[in-house]
Amino acid sequence: TLVGNAMGARDRARLRKGAVLTSAWGAGVMVVFSAAVWAFGPWVIELMTTSDEVRLAAKALLPWMVAAPVLGIAAWMLDGIFIGATRTADMRNMTAISAMIYFASVWILSGYGNDGLWMALLISLVARGVTLGIRYPALERAGG
């Protein structure tokens, strides 16, 4: 991987370049994916079920599905960066913190039904991105 090779070479500039490059591409792909879900989601839902009740419920949740890739990209990209750098202890620790935030969010938002569950999921994705982002400078220092 770009990150793994840079870490092995102890090349901080290459590590940063790899992280920025893959993150930019990932963000671009997620924006396109979210736009596709927004544009084609109702049509896909119509294809998947004939139940009017299911269609209505799925379409009501579509905005959450559109938001998920955009709000989750930092978490997923940083996962890849930390995996490439073999910094699994950091991933474990930040996952534990994010899981606690998720469970607290579910508890607080449980009265909002499916919307509350989606909110909690997105909060946990953002928390995971933030917590891994906080650890990224240490990863970069170790890489060079």
C-alpha atoms as a PDB file:
ATOM      1  CA  THR A   1       0.000   0.000   0.000  1.00  0.00           C
ATOM      2  CA  LEU A   2       1.054   3.617  -0.393  1.00  0.00           C
ATOM      3  CA  VAL A   3       0.986   4.146   3.359  1.00  0.00           C
ATOM      4  CA  GLY A   4       2.630   0.829   4.201  1.00  0.00           C
ATOM      5  CA  ASN A   5       5.466   1.406   1.738  1.00  0.00           C
ATOM      6  CA  ALA A   6       6.026   4.924   3.066  1.00  0.00           C
ATOM      7  CA  MET A   7       6.038   3.686   6.664  1.00  0.00           C
ATOM      8  CA  GLY A   8       8.527   0.942   5.782  1.00  0.00           C
ATOM      9  CA  ALA A   9      10.780   3.481   4.078  1.00  0.00           C
ATOM     10  CA  ARG A  10      10.316   5.892   7.011  1.00  0.00           C
ATOM     11  CA  ASP A  11       9.431   8.551   4.447  1.00  0.00           C
ATOM     12  CA  ARG A  12       7.125  11.063   6.139  1.00  0.00           C
ATOM     13  CA  ALA A  13       6.599  13.123   2.970  1.00  0.00           C
ATOM     14  CA  ARG A  14       5.545  10.039   0.995  1.00  0.00           C
ATOM     15  CA  LEU A  15       3.287   8.960   3.871  1.00  0.00           C
ATOM     16  CA  ARG A  16       1.525  12.318   3.892  1.00  0.00           C
ATOM     17  CA  LYS A  17       1.273  12.348   0.096  1.00  0.00           C
ATOM     18  CA  GLY A  18      -0.251   8.851   0.107  1.00  0.00           C
ATOM     19  CA  ALA A  19      -2.712   9.764   2.852  1.00  0.00           C
ATOM     20  CA  VAL A  20      -3.775  12.972   1.109  1.00  0.00           C
ATOM     21  CA  LEU A  21      -4.023  11.342  -2.321  1.00  0.00           C
ATOM     22  CA  THR A  22      -6.098   8.367  -1.201  1.00  0.00           C
ATOM     23  CA  SER A  23      -8.290  10.563   0.989  1.00  0.00           C
ATOM     24  CA  ALA A  24      -8.985  12.987  -1.856  1.00  0.00           C
ATOM     25  CA  TRP A  25      -9.922  10.144  -4.190  1.00  0.00           C
ATOM     26  CA  GLY A  26     -12.034   8.515  -1.483  1.00  0.00           C
ATOM     27  CA  ALA A  27     -13.868  11.752  -0.740  1.00  0.00           C
ATOM     28  CA  GLY A  28     -14.563  12.290  -4.423  1.00  0.00           C
ATOM     29  CA  VAL A  29     -15.915   8.776  -4.848  1.00  0.00           C
ATOM     30  CA  MET A  30     -18.125   9.133  -1.760  1.00  0.00           C
ATOM     31  CA  VAL A  31     -19.614  12.405  -3.018  1.00  0.00           C
ATOM     32  CA  VAL A  32     -20.414  10.740  -6.357  1.00  0.00           C
ATOM     33  CA  PHE A  33     -21.832   7.708  -4.533  1.00  0.00           C
ATOM     34  CA  SER A  34     -24.019   9.897  -2.314  1.00  0.00           C
ATOM     35  CA  ALA A  35     -25.268  11.783  -5.362  1.00  0.00           C
ATOM     36  CA  ALA A  36     -26.109   8.471  -7.033  1.00  0.00           C
ATOM     37  CA  VAL A  37     -28.026   7.290  -3.968  1.00  0.00           C
ATOM     38  CA  TRP A  38     -29.910  10.590  -3.899  1.00  0.00           C
ATOM     39  CA  ALA A  39     -30.675  10.437  -7.632  1.00  0.00           C
ATOM     40  CA  PHE A  40     -31.433   6.740  -8.042  1.00  0.00           C
ATOM     41  CA  GLY A  41     -32.403   5.661  -4.515  1.00  0.00           C
ATOM     42  CA  PRO A  42     -36.160   6.013  -5.018  1.00  0.00           C
ATOM     43  CA  TRP A  43     -35.974   4.024  -8.248  1.00  0.00           C
ATOM     44  CA  VAL A  44     -33.911   1.254  -6.599  1.00  0.00           C
ATOM     45  CA  ILE A  45     -36.389   1.095  -3.722  1.00  0.00           C
ATOM     46  CA  GLU A  46     -39.235   0.695  -6.223  1.00  0.00           C
ATOM     47  CA  LEU A  47     -37.370  -2.236  -7.816  1.00  0.00           C
ATOM     48  CA  MET A  48     -36.649  -3.949  -4.508  1.00  0.00           C
ATOM     49  CA  THR A  49     -40.166  -4.231  -3.122  1.00  0.00           C
ATOM     50  CA  THR A  50     -43.795  -4.016  -4.102  1.00  0.00           C
ATOM     51  CA  SER A  51     -44.932  -3.216  -0.569  1.00  0.00           C
ATOM     52  CA  ASP A  52     -46.115   0.374  -0.346  1.00  0.00           C
ATOM     53  CA  GLU A  53     -45.378   0.392   3.385  1.00  0.00           C
ATOM     54  CA  VAL A  54     -41.764  -0.719   2.873  1.00  0.00           C
ATOM     55  CA  ARG A  55     -41.300   1.739   0.005  1.00  0.00           C
ATOM     56  CA  LEU A  56     -42.572   4.595   2.133  1.00  0.00           C
ATOM     57  CA  ALA A  57     -40.344   3.672   5.077  1.00  0.00           C
ATOM     58  CA  ALA A  58     -37.261   3.212   2.884  1.00  0.00           C
ATOM     59  CA  LYS A  59     -37.785   6.512   1.082  1.00  0.00           C
ATOM     60  CA  ALA A  60     -38.174   8.299   4.420  1.00  0.00           C
ATOM     61  CA  LEU A  61     -34.724   7.000   5.421  1.00  0.00           C
ATOM     62  CA  LEU A  62     -33.075   7.858   2.107  1.00  0.00           C
ATOM     63  CA  PRO A  63     -31.568  11.156   3.356  1.00  0.00           C
ATOM     64  CA  TRP A  64     -29.641   9.205   6.003  1.00  0.00           C
ATOM     65  CA  MET A  65     -28.337   6.863   3.302  1.00  0.00           C
ATOM     66  CA  VAL A  66     -27.210   9.858   1.262  1.00  0.00           C
ATOM     67  CA  ALA A  67     -25.432  11.398   4.270  1.00  0.00           C
ATOM     68  CA  ALA A  68     -23.669   8.222   5.438  1.00  0.00           C
ATOM     69  CA  PRO A  69     -20.887   8.087   2.816  1.00  0.00           C
ATOM     70  CA  VAL A  70     -20.103  11.788   3.164  1.00  0.00           C
ATOM     71  CA  LEU A  71     -19.997  11.656   6.969  1.00  0.00           C
ATOM     72  CA  GLY A  72     -18.218   8.298   7.070  1.00  0.00           C
ATOM     73  CA  ILE A  73     -15.412   8.960   4.604  1.00  0.00           C
ATOM     74  CA  ALA A  74     -12.922  10.216   7.200  1.00  0.00           C
ATOM     75  CA  ALA A  75     -13.440   7.112   9.332  1.00  0.00           C
ATOM     76  CA  TRP A  76     -13.082   4.723   6.411  1.00  0.00           C
ATOM     77  CA  MET A  77     -10.087   6.465   4.868  1.00  0.00           C
ATOM     78  CA  LEU A  78      -8.294   6.695   8.203  1.00  0.00           C
ATOM     79  CA  ASP A  79      -9.073   3.001   8.791  1.00  0.00           C
ATOM     80  CA  GLY A  80      -7.220   2.228   5.566  1.00  0.00           C
ATOM     81  CA  ILE A  81      -4.340   4.513   6.480  1.00  0.00           C
ATOM     82  CA  PHE A  82      -3.971   2.993   9.951  1.00  0.00           C
ATOM     83  CA  ILE A  83      -4.254  -0.548   8.546  1.00  0.00           C
ATOM     84  CA  GLY A  84      -1.598   0.242   5.937  1.00  0.00           C
ATOM     85  CA  ALA A  85       0.634   1.585   8.698  1.00  0.00           C
ATOM     86  CA  THR A  86      -0.141  -1.489  10.865  1.00  0.00           C
ATOM     87  CA  ARG A  87      -1.251   0.785  13.715  1.00  0.00           C
ATOM     88  CA  THR A  88      -3.925  -1.617  14.919  1.00  0.00           C
ATOM     89  CA  ALA A  89      -3.637  -0.669  18.599  1.00  0.00           C
ATOM     90  CA  ASP A  90      -4.653   2.892  17.737  1.00  0.00           C
ATOM     91  CA  MET A  91      -7.551   1.539  15.685  1.00  0.00           C
ATOM     92  CA  ARG A  92      -8.690  -0.676  18.551  1.00  0.00           C
ATOM     93  CA  ASN A  93      -8.563   2.159  21.061  1.00  0.00           C
ATOM     94  CA  MET A  94     -10.341   4.661  18.841  1.00  0.00           C
ATOM     95  CA  THR A  95     -12.950   2.029  17.953  1.00  0.00           C
ATOM     96  CA  ALA A  96     -13.621   1.513  21.664  1.00  0.00           C
ATOM     97  CA  ILE A  97     -14.126   5.252  22.175  1.00  0.00           C
ATOM     98  CA  SER A  98     -16.349   5.493  19.095  1.00  0.00           C
ATOM     99  CA  ALA A  99     -18.383   2.494  20.259  1.00  0.00           C
ATOM    100  CA  MET A 100     -19.003   4.167  23.618  1.00  0.00           C
ATOM    101  CA  ILE A 101     -20.139   7.293  21.786  1.00  0.00           C
ATOM    102  CA  TYR A 102     -22.404   5.148  19.596  1.00  0.00           C
ATOM    103  CA  PHE A 103     -24.031   3.382  22.544  1.00  0.00           C
ATOM    104  CA  ALA A 104     -24.548   6.684  24.362  1.00  0.00           C
ATOM    105  CA  SER A 105     -26.077   8.129  21.186  1.00  0.00           C
ATOM    106  CA  VAL A 106     -28.414   5.155  20.774  1.00  0.00           C
ATOM    107  CA  TRP A 107     -29.535   5.519  24.367  1.00  0.00           C
ATOM    108  CA  ILE A 108     -30.129   9.269  24.017  1.00  0.00           C
ATOM    109  CA  LEU A 109     -31.779   9.052  20.581  1.00  0.00           C
ATOM    110  CA  SER A 110     -33.791   5.846  21.066  1.00  0.00           C
ATOM    111  CA  GLY A 111     -37.051   7.772  21.205  1.00  0.00           C
ATOM    112  CA  TYR A 112     -36.615   8.795  17.573  1.00  0.00           C
ATOM    113  CA  GLY A 113     -36.992   5.268  16.164  1.00  0.00           C
ATOM    114  CA  ASN A 114     -35.129   4.494  12.948  1.00  0.00           C
ATOM    115  CA  ASP A 115     -34.111   8.128  12.561  1.00  0.00           C
ATOM    116  CA  GLY A 116     -32.475   7.999  15.986  1.00  0.00           C
ATOM    117  CA  LEU A 117     -30.632   4.816  15.049  1.00  0.00           C
ATOM    118  CA  TRP A 118     -29.335   6.425  11.852  1.00  0.00           C
ATOM    119  CA  MET A 119     -28.319   9.551  13.779  1.00  0.00           C
ATOM    120  CA  ALA A 120     -26.398   7.401  16.258  1.00  0.00           C
ATOM    121  CA  LEU A 121     -24.670   5.537  13.427  1.00  0.00           C
ATOM    122  CA  LEU A 122     -23.612   8.768  11.738  1.00  0.00           C
ATOM    123  CA  ILE A 123     -22.467  10.254  15.053  1.00  0.00           C
ATOM    124  CA  SER A 124     -20.302   7.173  15.611  1.00  0.00           C
ATOM    125  CA  LEU A 125     -18.806   7.441  12.114  1.00  0.00           C
ATOM    126  CA  VAL A 126     -17.925  11.078  12.705  1.00  0.00           C
ATOM    127  CA  ALA A 127     -16.515  10.200  16.139  1.00  0.00           C
ATOM    128  CA  ARG A 128     -14.391   7.477  14.587  1.00  0.00           C
ATOM    129  CA  GLY A 129     -13.055   9.884  11.976  1.00  0.00           C
ATOM    130  CA  VAL A 130     -12.306  12.508  14.622  1.00  0.00           C
ATOM    131  CA  THR A 131     -10.633  10.099  17.047  1.00  0.00           C
ATOM    132  CA  LEU A 132      -8.465   8.545  14.329  1.00  0.00           C
ATOM    133  CA  GLY A 133      -7.710  12.028  13.020  1.00  0.00           C
ATOM    134  CA  ILE A 134      -6.465  13.001  16.462  1.00  0.00           C
ATOM    135  CA  ARG A 135      -4.087  10.009  16.373  1.00  0.00           C
ATOM    136  CA  TYR A 136      -2.891  10.671  12.807  1.00  0.00           C
ATOM    137  CA  PRO A 137      -0.074  13.110  13.751  1.00  0.00           C
ATOM    138  CA  ALA A 138       1.495  10.408  15.942  1.00  0.00           C
ATOM    139  CA  LEU A 139       1.298   7.969  13.038  1.00  0.00           C
ATOM    140  CA  GLU A 140       2.984  10.515  10.786  1.00  0.00           C
ATOM    141  CA  ARG A 141       5.736  11.197  13.338  1.00  0.00           C
ATOM    142  CA  ALA A 142       6.381   7.453  13.554  1.00  0.00           C
ATOM    143  CA  GLY A 143       6.559   7.237   9.766  1.00  0.00           C
ATOM    144  CA  GLY A 144       9.527   9.505   9.375  1.00  0.00           C
END
